[in-house]
Amino acid sequence: MEQKMTKKSLAASDEVRTFAKGRLDLAEVGEVVFGKATLLPGWKWSECVKPIAGTKSCQAPHTQYHVSGRLHVVMDDGSEEEFGPGDIGYLPPGHDAWVVGDEPVVVIDVTGMKKYAK
């Protein structure tokens, strides 16, 4: 089956999921699910999404482009990194993360949002 050119917008997403101090806009193009996560100051995965996920740490792999804000990530093995505007990163399963400072974090994710916060 031939695939046709597709155009979508995260501003008019296919699905919106909300959770404490955050929002996820999803758009599926072909086999890729693009997720735009907006995380407000005070957001922390272990406090805001863990109750939905029901896991010890985030088990979704993330390949992300950081549009704005600062996000601190701690892996289950104790390694840490902080991401900011313009950074591209990969987070394997097994991490916690939180917004640093008073600016919302906006990330575009292409691998880990299909089942996130669901």
PDB file of N, CA and C in Angstrom:
ATOM      1  N   MET A   1       0.839  -1.190   0.000  1.00  0.00           N
ATOM      2  CA  MET A   1       0.000   0.000   0.000  1.00  0.00           C
ATOM      3  C   MET A   1       0.880   1.247   0.000  1.00  0.00           C
ATOM      4  N   GLU A   2       0.641   2.107  -0.922  1.00  0.00           N
ATOM      5  CA  GLU A   2       1.421   3.331  -1.039  1.00  0.00           C
ATOM      6  C   GLU A   2       0.972   4.331   0.018  1.00  0.00           C
ATOM      7  N   GLN A   3       1.939   4.935   0.699  1.00  0.00           N
ATOM      8  CA  GLN A   3       1.610   5.925   1.712  1.00  0.00           C
ATOM      9  C   GLN A   3       1.614   7.302   1.078  1.00  0.00           C
ATOM     10  N   LYS A   4       0.640   8.110   1.442  1.00  0.00           N
ATOM     11  CA  LYS A   4       0.514   9.454   0.906  1.00  0.00           C
ATOM     12  C   LYS A   4       1.147  10.463   1.845  1.00  0.00           C
ATOM     13  N   MET A   5       1.507  11.601   1.284  1.00  0.00           N
ATOM     14  CA  MET A   5       2.034  12.685   2.089  1.00  0.00           C
ATOM     15  C   MET A   5       0.995  13.056   3.150  1.00  0.00           C
ATOM     16  N   THR A   6       1.478  13.328   4.356  1.00  0.00           N
ATOM     17  CA  THR A   6       0.589  13.640   5.469  1.00  0.00           C
ATOM     18  C   THR A   6       1.055  14.907   6.152  1.00  0.00           C
ATOM     19  N   LYS A   7       0.112  15.723   6.548  1.00  0.00           N
ATOM     20  CA  LYS A   7       0.421  16.938   7.307  1.00  0.00           C
ATOM     21  C   LYS A   7      -0.509  16.994   8.511  1.00  0.00           C
ATOM     22  N   LYS A   8       0.067  17.191   9.677  1.00  0.00           N
ATOM     23  CA  LYS A   8      -0.704  17.362  10.910  1.00  0.00           C
ATOM     24  C   LYS A   8      -0.055  18.474  11.718  1.00  0.00           C
ATOM     25  N   SER A   9      -0.739  18.881  12.763  1.00  0.00           N
ATOM     26  CA  SER A   9      -0.214  19.918  13.645  1.00  0.00           C
ATOM     27  C   SER A   9      -0.407  19.494  15.093  1.00  0.00           C
ATOM     28  N   LEU A  10       0.602  19.710  15.894  1.00  0.00           N
ATOM     29  CA  LEU A  10       0.451  19.446  17.326  1.00  0.00           C
ATOM     30  C   LEU A  10      -0.454  20.488  17.978  1.00  0.00           C
ATOM     31  N   ALA A  11      -0.692  21.600  17.277  1.00  0.00           N
ATOM     32  CA  ALA A  11      -1.631  22.604  17.784  1.00  0.00           C
ATOM     33  C   ALA A  11      -3.073  22.118  17.637  1.00  0.00           C
ATOM     34  N   ALA A  12      -3.302  21.171  16.737  1.00  0.00           N
ATOM     35  CA  ALA A  12      -4.616  20.545  16.554  1.00  0.00           C
ATOM     36  C   ALA A  12      -4.388  19.041  16.627  1.00  0.00           C
ATOM     37  N   SER A  13      -3.956  18.579  17.791  1.00  0.00           N
ATOM     38  CA  SER A  13      -3.489  17.211  17.962  1.00  0.00           C
ATOM     39  C   SER A  13      -4.603  16.169  17.826  1.00  0.00           C
ATOM     40  N   ASP A  14      -4.178  14.928  17.580  1.00  0.00           N
ATOM     41  CA  ASP A  14      -5.104  13.799  17.496  1.00  0.00           C
ATOM     42  C   ASP A  14      -5.673  13.451  18.867  1.00  0.00           C
ATOM     43  N   GLU A  15      -4.876  13.667  19.903  1.00  0.00           N
ATOM     44  CA  GLU A  15      -5.278  13.312  21.265  1.00  0.00           C
ATOM     45  C   GLU A  15      -4.560  14.226  22.242  1.00  0.00           C
ATOM     46  N   VAL A  16      -5.248  14.556  23.321  1.00  0.00           N
ATOM     47  CA  VAL A  16      -4.663  15.351  24.408  1.00  0.00           C
ATOM     48  C   VAL A  16      -4.807  14.548  25.694  1.00  0.00           C
ATOM     49  N   ARG A  17      -3.724  14.435  26.435  1.00  0.00           N
ATOM     50  CA  ARG A  17      -3.758  13.806  27.765  1.00  0.00           C
ATOM     51  C   ARG A  17      -3.290  14.845  28.771  1.00  0.00           C
ATOM     52  N   THR A  18      -3.997  14.948  29.861  1.00  0.00           N
ATOM     53  CA  THR A  18      -3.588  15.860  30.917  1.00  0.00           C
ATOM     54  C   THR A  18      -3.280  15.055  32.175  1.00  0.00           C
ATOM     55  N   PHE A  19      -2.389  15.594  32.970  1.00  0.00           N
ATOM     56  CA  PHE A  19      -1.996  14.997  34.238  1.00  0.00           C
ATOM     57  C   PHE A  19      -1.547  16.141  35.128  1.00  0.00           C
ATOM     58  N   ALA A  20      -1.310  15.881  36.394  1.00  0.00           N
ATOM     59  CA  ALA A  20      -0.929  16.945  37.316  1.00  0.00           C
ATOM     60  C   ALA A  20       0.239  17.758  36.758  1.00  0.00           C
ATOM     61  N   LYS A  21       0.035  19.051  36.636  1.00  0.00           N
ATOM     62  CA  LYS A  21       1.054  20.003  36.199  1.00  0.00           C
ATOM     63  C   LYS A  21       1.601  19.722  34.805  1.00  0.00           C
ATOM     64  N   GLY A  22       0.803  19.061  33.950  1.00  0.00           N
ATOM     65  CA  GLY A  22       1.301  18.785  32.608  1.00  0.00           C
ATOM     66  C   GLY A  22       0.223  18.464  31.600  1.00  0.00           C
ATOM     67  N   ARG A  23       0.652  18.488  30.354  1.00  0.00           N
ATOM     68  CA  ARG A  23      -0.235  18.225  29.220  1.00  0.00           C
ATOM     69  C   ARG A  23       0.592  17.563  28.132  1.00  0.00           C
ATOM     70  N   LEU A  24      -0.041  16.633  27.425  1.00  0.00           N
ATOM     71  CA  LEU A  24       0.609  15.940  26.317  1.00  0.00           C
ATOM     72  C   LEU A  24      -0.300  16.013  25.103  1.00  0.00           C
ATOM     73  N   ASP A  25       0.222  16.602  24.022  1.00  0.00           N
ATOM     74  CA  ASP A  25      -0.484  16.665  22.743  1.00  0.00           C
ATOM     75  C   ASP A  25       0.151  15.633  21.821  1.00  0.00           C
ATOM     76  N   LEU A  26      -0.677  14.776  21.216  1.00  0.00           N
ATOM     77  CA  LEU A  26      -0.178  13.687  20.376  1.00  0.00           C
ATOM     78  C   LEU A  26      -0.687  13.801  18.947  1.00  0.00           C
ATOM     79  N   ALA A  27       0.195  13.496  17.993  1.00  0.00           N
ATOM     80  CA  ALA A  27      -0.184  13.428  16.581  1.00  0.00           C
ATOM     81  C   ALA A  27       0.566  12.257  15.962  1.00  0.00           C
ATOM     82  N   GLU A  28      -0.175  11.395  15.283  1.00  0.00           N
ATOM     83  CA  GLU A  28       0.417  10.220  14.653  1.00  0.00           C
ATOM     84  C   GLU A  28       0.563  10.466  13.162  1.00  0.00           C
ATOM     85  N   VAL A  29       1.784  10.239  12.663  1.00  0.00           N
ATOM     86  CA  VAL A  29       2.077  10.386  11.241  1.00  0.00           C
ATOM     87  C   VAL A  29       2.759   9.101  10.798  1.00  0.00           C
ATOM     88  N   GLY A  30       2.092   8.335   9.961  1.00  0.00           N
ATOM     89  CA  GLY A  30       2.630   7.035   9.585  1.00  0.00           C
ATOM     90  C   GLY A  30       2.734   6.172  10.819  1.00  0.00           C
ATOM     91  N   GLU A  31       3.926   5.680  11.088  1.00  0.00           N
ATOM     92  CA  GLU A  31       4.134   4.837  12.266  1.00  0.00           C
ATOM     93  C   GLU A  31       4.792   5.577  13.426  1.00  0.00           C
ATOM     94  N   VAL A  32       4.930   6.899  13.300  1.00  0.00           N
ATOM     95  CA  VAL A  32       5.576   7.694  14.339  1.00  0.00           C
ATOM     96  C   VAL A  32       4.513   8.490  15.100  1.00  0.00           C
ATOM     97  N   VAL A  33       4.574   8.416  16.431  1.00  0.00           N
ATOM     98  CA  VAL A  33       3.704   9.219  17.280  1.00  0.00           C
ATOM     99  C   VAL A  33       4.550  10.359  17.834  1.00  0.00           C
ATOM    100  N   PHE A  34       4.210  11.576  17.423  1.00  0.00           N
ATOM    101  CA  PHE A  34       4.881  12.759  17.941  1.00  0.00           C
ATOM    102  C   PHE A  34       4.135  13.204  19.185  1.00  0.00           C
ATOM    103  N   GLY A  35       4.888  13.493  20.243  1.00  0.00           N
ATOM    104  CA  GLY A  35       4.280  13.996  21.460  1.00  0.00           C
ATOM    105  C   GLY A  35       4.909  15.316  21.839  1.00  0.00           C
ATOM    106  N   LYS A  36       4.070  16.295  22.117  1.00  0.00           N
ATOM    107  CA  LYS A  36       4.546  17.577  22.644  1.00  0.00           C
ATOM    108  C   LYS A  36       4.116  17.637  24.096  1.00  0.00           C
ATOM    109  N   ALA A  37       5.093  17.525  24.996  1.00  0.00           N
ATOM    110  CA  ALA A  37       4.807  17.579  26.424  1.00  0.00           C
ATOM    111  C   ALA A  37       5.077  18.988  26.933  1.00  0.00           C
ATOM    112  N   THR A  38       4.121  19.530  27.664  1.00  0.00           N
ATOM    113  CA  THR A  38       4.284  20.810  28.335  1.00  0.00           C
ATOM    114  C   THR A  38       4.200  20.519  29.824  1.00  0.00           C
ATOM    115  N   LEU A  39       5.296  20.771  30.526  1.00  0.00           N
ATOM    116  CA  LEU A  39       5.432  20.443  31.949  1.00  0.00           C
ATOM    117  C   LEU A  39       5.615  21.735  32.727  1.00  0.00           C
ATOM    118  N   LEU A  40       4.727  21.995  33.654  1.00  0.00           N
ATOM    119  CA  LEU A  40       4.749  23.251  34.395  1.00  0.00           C
ATOM    120  C   LEU A  40       5.741  23.204  35.560  1.00  0.00           C
ATOM    121  N   PRO A  41       6.169  24.380  36.018  1.00  0.00           N
ATOM    122  CA  PRO A  41       7.040  24.415  37.195  1.00  0.00           C
ATOM    123  C   PRO A  41       6.412  23.609  38.341  1.00  0.00           C
ATOM    124  N   GLY A  42       7.236  22.823  39.007  1.00  0.00           N
ATOM    125  CA  GLY A  42       6.767  21.956  40.077  1.00  0.00           C
ATOM    126  C   GLY A  42       6.440  20.547  39.612  1.00  0.00           C
ATOM    127  N   TRP A  43       6.432  20.313  38.267  1.00  0.00           N
ATOM    128  CA  TRP A  43       6.159  18.968  37.752  1.00  0.00           C
ATOM    129  C   TRP A  43       7.334  18.049  38.066  1.00  0.00           C
ATOM    130  N   LYS A  44       7.015  16.856  38.531  1.00  0.00           N
ATOM    131  CA  LYS A  44       8.006  15.802  38.756  1.00  0.00           C
ATOM    132  C   LYS A  44       7.338  14.485  38.394  1.00  0.00           C
ATOM    133  N   TRP A  45       8.005  13.669  37.569  1.00  0.00           N
ATOM    134  CA  TRP A  45       7.397  12.423  37.111  1.00  0.00           C
ATOM    135  C   TRP A  45       6.901  11.584  38.283  1.00  0.00           C
ATOM    136  N   SER A  46       7.749  11.399  39.303  1.00  0.00           N
ATOM    137  CA  SER A  46       7.408  10.514  40.417  1.00  0.00           C
ATOM    138  C   SER A  46       6.216  11.014  41.241  1.00  0.00           C
ATOM    139  N   GLU A  47       5.853  12.278  41.101  1.00  0.00           N
ATOM    140  CA  GLU A  47       4.697  12.818  41.816  1.00  0.00           C
ATOM    141  C   GLU A  47       3.481  12.986  40.911  1.00  0.00           C
ATOM    142  N   CYS A  48       3.707  13.315  39.636  1.00  0.00           N
ATOM    143  CA  CYS A  48       2.606  13.699  38.753  1.00  0.00           C
ATOM    144  C   CYS A  48       2.170  12.606  37.777  1.00  0.00           C
ATOM    145  N   VAL A  49       3.053  11.692  37.402  1.00  0.00           N
ATOM    146  CA  VAL A  49       2.701  10.660  36.421  1.00  0.00           C
ATOM    147  C   VAL A  49       2.794   9.253  37.020  1.00  0.00           C
ATOM    148  N   LYS A  50       3.653   9.059  37.997  1.00  0.00           N
ATOM    149  CA  LYS A  50       3.802   7.739  38.618  1.00  0.00           C
ATOM    150  C   LYS A  50       2.464   7.140  39.067  1.00  0.00           C
ATOM    151  N   PRO A  51       1.551   7.939  39.667  1.00  0.00           N
ATOM    152  CA  PRO A  51       0.267   7.354  40.058  1.00  0.00           C
ATOM    153  C   PRO A  51      -0.536   6.801  38.865  1.00  0.00           C
ATOM    154  N   ILE A  52      -0.346   7.369  37.689  1.00  0.00           N
ATOM    155  CA  ILE A  52      -1.028   6.891  36.479  1.00  0.00           C
ATOM    156  C   ILE A  52      -0.308   5.658  35.936  1.00  0.00           C
ATOM    157  N   ALA A  53       1.036   5.730  35.877  1.00  0.00           N
ATOM    158  CA  ALA A  53       1.840   4.642  35.295  1.00  0.00           C
ATOM    159  C   ALA A  53       1.868   3.404  36.185  1.00  0.00           C
ATOM    160  N   GLY A  54       1.930   3.623  37.497  1.00  0.00           N
ATOM    161  CA  GLY A  54       1.976   2.501  38.427  1.00  0.00           C
ATOM    162  C   GLY A  54       3.294   1.750  38.429  1.00  0.00           C
ATOM    163  N   THR A  55       4.363   2.402  37.989  1.00  0.00           N
ATOM    164  CA  THR A  55       5.696   1.789  37.984  1.00  0.00           C
ATOM    165  C   THR A  55       6.624   2.564  38.905  1.00  0.00           C
ATOM    166  N   LYS A  56       7.727   1.940  39.312  1.00  0.00           N
ATOM    167  CA  LYS A  56       8.694   2.563  40.225  1.00  0.00           C
ATOM    168  C   LYS A  56       9.324   3.811  39.605  1.00  0.00           C
ATOM    169  N   SER A  57       9.616   3.730  38.320  1.00  0.00           N
ATOM    170  CA  SER A  57      10.195   4.850  37.578  1.00  0.00           C
ATOM    171  C   SER A  57       9.585   4.847  36.183  1.00  0.00           C
ATOM    172  N   CYS A  58       9.845   5.884  35.415  1.00  0.00           N
ATOM    173  CA  CYS A  58       9.289   5.964  34.067  1.00  0.00           C
ATOM    174  C   CYS A  58       9.908   4.881  33.190  1.00  0.00           C
ATOM    175  N   GLN A  59       9.060   4.061  32.579  1.00  0.00           N
ATOM    176  CA  GLN A  59       9.532   2.959  31.749  1.00  0.00           C
ATOM    177  C   GLN A  59       9.415   3.257  30.254  1.00  0.00           C
ATOM    178  N   ALA A  60       9.044   4.478  29.908  1.00  0.00           N
ATOM    179  CA  ALA A  60       8.957   4.864  28.497  1.00  0.00           C
ATOM    180  C   ALA A  60      10.320   5.355  28.013  1.00  0.00           C
ATOM    181  N   PRO A  61      10.787   4.866  26.861  1.00  0.00           N
ATOM    182  CA  PRO A  61      12.014   5.417  26.287  1.00  0.00           C
ATOM    183  C   PRO A  61      11.670   6.732  25.579  1.00  0.00           C
ATOM    184  N   HIS A  62      12.503   7.736  25.745  1.00  0.00           N
ATOM    185  CA  HIS A  62      12.221   9.037  25.139  1.00  0.00           C
ATOM    186  C   HIS A  62      13.369   9.480  24.242  1.00  0.00           C
ATOM    187  N   THR A  63      13.036   9.859  23.030  1.00  0.00           N
ATOM    188  CA  THR A  63      13.962  10.543  22.132  1.00  0.00           C
ATOM    189  C   THR A  63      13.362  11.925  21.952  1.00  0.00           C
ATOM    190  N   GLN A  64      14.020  12.942  22.520  1.00  0.00           N
ATOM    191  CA  GLN A  64      13.380  14.245  22.663  1.00  0.00           C
ATOM    192  C   GLN A  64      14.222  15.393  22.132  1.00  0.00           C
ATOM    193  N   TYR A  65      13.492  16.402  21.676  1.00  0.00           N
ATOM    194  CA  TYR A  65      14.075  17.707  21.373  1.00  0.00           C
ATOM    195  C   TYR A  65      13.492  18.679  22.390  1.00  0.00           C
ATOM    196  N   HIS A  66      14.362  19.399  23.086  1.00  0.00           N
ATOM    197  CA  HIS A  66      13.929  20.317  24.141  1.00  0.00           C
ATOM    198  C   HIS A  66      13.745  21.718  23.565  1.00  0.00           C
ATOM    199  N   VAL A  67      12.499  22.167  23.582  1.00  0.00           N
ATOM    200  CA  VAL A  67      12.153  23.465  23.018  1.00  0.00           C
ATOM    201  C   VAL A  67      12.420  24.577  24.029  1.00  0.00           C
ATOM    202  N   SER A  68      11.986  24.371  25.272  1.00  0.00           N
ATOM    203  CA  SER A  68      12.152  25.408  26.289  1.00  0.00           C
ATOM    204  C   SER A  68      12.180  24.796  27.683  1.00  0.00           C
ATOM    205  N   GLY A  69      12.644  25.601  28.631  1.00  0.00           N
ATOM    206  CA  GLY A  69      12.716  25.170  30.018  1.00  0.00           C
ATOM    207  C   GLY A  69      13.882  24.224  30.268  1.00  0.00           C
ATOM    208  N   ARG A  70      14.028  23.832  31.536  1.00  0.00           N
ATOM    209  CA  ARG A  70      15.114  22.938  31.933  1.00  0.00           C
ATOM    210  C   ARG A  70      14.518  21.715  32.622  1.00  0.00           C
ATOM    211  N   LEU A  71      15.013  20.528  32.220  1.00  0.00           N
ATOM    212  CA  LEU A  71      14.532  19.258  32.748  1.00  0.00           C
ATOM    213  C   LEU A  71      15.715  18.486  33.316  1.00  0.00           C
ATOM    214  N   HIS A  72      15.626  18.117  34.589  1.00  0.00           N
ATOM    215  CA  HIS A  72      16.665  17.318  35.241  1.00  0.00           C
ATOM    216  C   HIS A  72      16.192  15.871  35.258  1.00  0.00           C
ATOM    217  N   VAL A  73      17.078  14.956  34.861  1.00  0.00           N
ATOM    218  CA  VAL A  73      16.736  13.535  34.771  1.00  0.00           C
ATOM    219  C   VAL A  73      17.714  12.725  35.617  1.00  0.00           C
ATOM    220  N   VAL A  74      17.182  11.788  36.403  1.00  0.00           N
ATOM    221  CA  VAL A  74      18.008  10.867  37.181  1.00  0.00           C
ATOM    222  C   VAL A  74      17.597   9.450  36.780  1.00  0.00           C
ATOM    223  N   MET A  75      18.571   8.695  36.284  1.00  0.00           N
ATOM    224  CA  MET A  75      18.331   7.303  35.894  1.00  0.00           C
ATOM    225  C   MET A  75      18.307   6.412  37.133  1.00  0.00           C
ATOM    226  N   ASP A  76      17.702   5.241  37.020  1.00  0.00           N
ATOM    227  CA  ASP A  76      17.662   4.295  38.136  1.00  0.00           C
ATOM    228  C   ASP A  76      19.059   3.912  38.619  1.00  0.00           C
ATOM    229  N   ASP A  77      20.062   3.982  37.725  1.00  0.00           N
ATOM    230  CA  ASP A  77      21.433   3.642  38.122  1.00  0.00           C
ATOM    231  C   ASP A  77      22.158   4.802  38.814  1.00  0.00           C
ATOM    232  N   GLY A  78      21.466   5.950  38.973  1.00  0.00           N
ATOM    233  CA  GLY A  78      22.045   7.095  39.664  1.00  0.00           C
ATOM    234  C   GLY A  78      22.660   8.137  38.750  1.00  0.00           C
ATOM    235  N   SER A  79      22.846   7.844  37.468  1.00  0.00           N
ATOM    236  CA  SER A  79      23.408   8.844  36.556  1.00  0.00           C
ATOM    237  C   SER A  79      22.385   9.965  36.345  1.00  0.00           C
ATOM    238  N   GLU A  80      22.907  11.186  36.137  1.00  0.00           N
ATOM    239  CA  GLU A  80      22.056  12.371  36.032  1.00  0.00           C
ATOM    240  C   GLU A  80      22.469  13.230  34.848  1.00  0.00           C
ATOM    241  N   GLU A  81      21.494  13.978  34.327  1.00  0.00           N
ATOM    242  CA  GLU A  81      21.758  14.944  33.263  1.00  0.00           C
ATOM    243  C   GLU A  81      20.673  16.004  33.319  1.00  0.00           C
ATOM    244  N   GLU A  82      21.016  17.209  32.868  1.00  0.00           N
ATOM    245  CA  GLU A  82      20.026  18.273  32.758  1.00  0.00           C
ATOM    246  C   GLU A  82      19.957  18.716  31.309  1.00  0.00           C
ATOM    247  N   PHE A  83      18.741  18.885  30.809  1.00  0.00           N
ATOM    248  CA  PHE A  83      18.499  19.249  29.420  1.00  0.00           C
ATOM    249  C   PHE A  83      17.854  20.624  29.351  1.00  0.00           C
ATOM    250  N   GLY A  84      18.212  21.381  28.314  1.00  0.00           N
ATOM    251  CA  GLY A  84      17.639  22.707  28.125  1.00  0.00           C
ATOM    252  C   GLY A  84      17.344  22.973  26.667  1.00  0.00           C
ATOM    253  N   PRO A  85      16.924  24.194  26.345  1.00  0.00           N
ATOM    254  CA  PRO A  85      16.532  24.550  24.988  1.00  0.00           C
ATOM    255  C   PRO A  85      17.600  24.188  23.955  1.00  0.00           C
ATOM    256  N   GLY A  86      17.165  23.524  22.889  1.00  0.00           N
ATOM    257  CA  GLY A  86      18.065  23.136  21.811  1.00  0.00           C
ATOM    258  C   GLY A  86      18.720  21.784  21.995  1.00  0.00           C
ATOM    259  N   ASP A  87      18.626  21.206  23.196  1.00  0.00           N
ATOM    260  CA  ASP A  87      19.238  19.895  23.436  1.00  0.00           C
ATOM    261  C   ASP A  87      18.391  18.780  22.831  1.00  0.00           C
ATOM    262  N   ILE A  88      19.074  17.753  22.377  1.00  0.00           N
ATOM    263  CA  ILE A  88      18.446  16.524  21.917  1.00  0.00           C
ATOM    264  C   ILE A  88      18.946  15.428  22.839  1.00  0.00           C
ATOM    265  N   GLY A  89      18.047  14.562  23.283  1.00  0.00           N
ATOM    266  CA  GLY A  89      18.484  13.526  24.206  1.00  0.00           C
ATOM    267  C   GLY A  89      17.702  12.242  24.057  1.00  0.00           C
ATOM    268  N   TYR A  90      18.312  11.175  24.533  1.00  0.00           N
ATOM    269  CA  TYR A  90      17.649   9.874  24.616  1.00  0.00           C
ATOM    270  C   TYR A  90      17.651   9.440  26.072  1.00  0.00           C
ATOM    271  N   LEU A  91      16.476   9.083  26.579  1.00  0.00           N
ATOM    272  CA  LEU A  91      16.334   8.580  27.939  1.00  0.00           C
ATOM    273  C   LEU A  91      15.812   7.161  27.846  1.00  0.00           C
ATOM    274  N   PRO A  92      16.632   6.170  28.222  1.00  0.00           N
ATOM    275  CA  PRO A  92      16.122   4.804  28.220  1.00  0.00           C
ATOM    276  C   PRO A  92      15.126   4.610  29.364  1.00  0.00           C
ATOM    277  N   PRO A  93      14.377   3.516  29.345  1.00  0.00           N
ATOM    278  CA  PRO A  93      13.460   3.242  30.454  1.00  0.00           C
ATOM    279  C   PRO A  93      14.204   3.214  31.784  1.00  0.00           C
ATOM    280  N   GLY A  94      13.508   3.657  32.839  1.00  0.00           N
ATOM    281  CA  GLY A  94      14.084   3.624  34.185  1.00  0.00           C
ATOM    282  C   GLY A  94      14.633   4.967  34.615  1.00  0.00           C
ATOM    283  N   HIS A  95      13.768   5.972  34.742  1.00  0.00           N
ATOM    284  CA  HIS A  95      14.233   7.302  35.133  1.00  0.00           C
ATOM    285  C   HIS A  95      13.124   8.073  35.848  1.00  0.00           C
ATOM    286  N   ASP A  96      13.539   9.102  36.546  1.00  0.00           N
ATOM    287  CA  ASP A  96      12.650  10.112  37.100  1.00  0.00           C
ATOM    288  C   ASP A  96      13.111  11.431  36.495  1.00  0.00           C
ATOM    289  N   ALA A  97      12.241  12.425  36.458  1.00  0.00           N
ATOM    290  CA  ALA A  97      12.601  13.719  35.881  1.00  0.00           C
ATOM    291  C   ALA A  97      11.752  14.801  36.519  1.00  0.00           C
ATOM    292  N   TRP A  98      12.277  16.053  36.518  1.00  0.00           N
ATOM    293  CA  TRP A  98      11.509  17.157  37.060  1.00  0.00           C
ATOM    294  C   TRP A  98      11.924  18.457  36.398  1.00  0.00           C
ATOM    295  N   VAL A  99      10.990  19.419  36.446  1.00  0.00           N
ATOM    296  CA  VAL A  99      11.230  20.750  35.909  1.00  0.00           C
ATOM    297  C   VAL A  99      12.120  21.507  36.882  1.00  0.00           C
ATOM    298  N   VAL A 100      13.138  22.157  36.334  1.00  0.00           N
ATOM    299  CA  VAL A 100      14.048  22.987  37.125  1.00  0.00           C
ATOM    300  C   VAL A 100      13.684  24.453  36.882  1.00  0.00           C
ATOM    301  N   GLY A 101      13.472  25.205  37.947  1.00  0.00           N
ATOM    302  CA  GLY A 101      13.186  26.624  37.815  1.00  0.00           C
ATOM    303  C   GLY A 101      11.709  26.916  37.604  1.00  0.00           C
ATOM    304  N   ASP A 102      11.448  28.159  37.158  1.00  0.00           N
ATOM    305  CA  ASP A 102      10.061  28.611  37.059  1.00  0.00           C
ATOM    306  C   ASP A 102       9.569  28.764  35.625  1.00  0.00           C
ATOM    307  N   GLU A 103      10.279  28.187  34.666  1.00  0.00           N
ATOM    308  CA  GLU A 103       9.849  28.210  33.267  1.00  0.00           C
ATOM    309  C   GLU A 103       9.312  26.835  32.878  1.00  0.00           C
ATOM    310  N   PRO A 104       8.153  26.787  32.208  1.00  0.00           N
ATOM    311  CA  PRO A 104       7.638  25.488  31.755  1.00  0.00           C
ATOM    312  C   PRO A 104       8.621  24.802  30.807  1.00  0.00           C
ATOM    313  N   VAL A 105       8.642  23.487  30.863  1.00  0.00           N
ATOM    314  CA  VAL A 105       9.435  22.677  29.939  1.00  0.00           C
ATOM    315  C   VAL A 105       8.529  22.256  28.791  1.00  0.00           C
ATOM    316  N   VAL A 106       9.019  22.432  27.566  1.00  0.00           N
ATOM    317  CA  VAL A 106       8.322  21.927  26.385  1.00  0.00           C
ATOM    318  C   VAL A 106       9.305  21.034  25.643  1.00  0.00           C
ATOM    319  N   VAL A 107       8.899  19.779  25.429  1.00  0.00           N
ATOM    320  CA  VAL A 107       9.721  18.829  24.677  1.00  0.00           C
ATOM    321  C   VAL A 107       8.882  18.194  23.584  1.00  0.00           C
ATOM    322  N   ILE A 108       9.551  17.871  22.481  1.00  0.00           N
ATOM    323  CA  ILE A 108       8.948  17.100  21.401  1.00  0.00           C
ATOM    324  C   ILE A 108       9.597  15.726  21.450  1.00  0.00           C
ATOM    325  N   ASP A 109       8.769  14.694  21.579  1.00  0.00           N
ATOM    326  CA  ASP A 109       9.249  13.317  21.747  1.00  0.00           C
ATOM    327  C   ASP A 109       8.734  12.464  20.596  1.00  0.00           C
ATOM    328  N   VAL A 110       9.613  11.606  20.060  1.00  0.00           N
ATOM    329  CA  VAL A 110       9.205  10.776  18.924  1.00  0.00           C
ATOM    330  C   VAL A 110       9.259   9.268  19.211  1.00  0.00           C
ATOM    331  N   THR A 111       9.550   8.880  20.457  1.00  0.00           N
ATOM    332  CA  THR A 111       9.592   7.445  20.735  1.00  0.00           C
ATOM    333  C   THR A 111       8.785   6.992  21.941  1.00  0.00           C
ATOM    334  N   GLY A 112       8.543   7.843  22.911  1.00  0.00           N
ATOM    335  CA  GLY A 112       8.013   7.329  24.171  1.00  0.00           C
ATOM    336  C   GLY A 112       6.637   7.790  24.590  1.00  0.00           C
ATOM    337  N   MET A 113       5.862   8.393  23.702  1.00  0.00           N
ATOM    338  CA  MET A 113       4.625   9.000  24.160  1.00  0.00           C
ATOM    339  C   MET A 113       3.348   8.238  23.814  1.00  0.00           C
ATOM    340  N   LYS A 114       3.436   7.194  23.016  1.00  0.00           N
ATOM    341  CA  LYS A 114       2.217   6.495  22.596  1.00  0.00           C
ATOM    342  C   LYS A 114       1.374   6.033  23.784  1.00  0.00           C
ATOM    343  N   LYS A 115       2.016   5.498  24.833  1.00  0.00           N
ATOM    344  CA  LYS A 115       1.278   5.002  25.997  1.00  0.00           C
ATOM    345  C   LYS A 115       1.506   5.864  27.243  1.00  0.00           C
ATOM    346  N   TYR A 116       2.220   6.977  27.107  1.00  0.00           N
ATOM    347  CA  TYR A 116       2.599   7.810  28.243  1.00  0.00           C
ATOM    348  C   TYR A 116       1.369   8.401  28.925  1.00  0.00           C
ATOM    349  N   ALA A 117       1.344   8.338  30.235  1.00  0.00           N
ATOM    350  CA  ALA A 117       0.280   8.927  31.061  1.00  0.00           C
ATOM    351  C   ALA A 117      -1.095   8.398  30.655  1.00  0.00           C
ATOM    352  N   LYS A 118      -1.139   7.117  30.351  1.00  0.00           N
ATOM    353  CA  LYS A 118      -2.404   6.507  29.916  1.00  0.00           C
ATOM    354  C   LYS A 118      -2.756   5.358  30.824  1.00  0.00           C
TER     355      LYS A 118
END
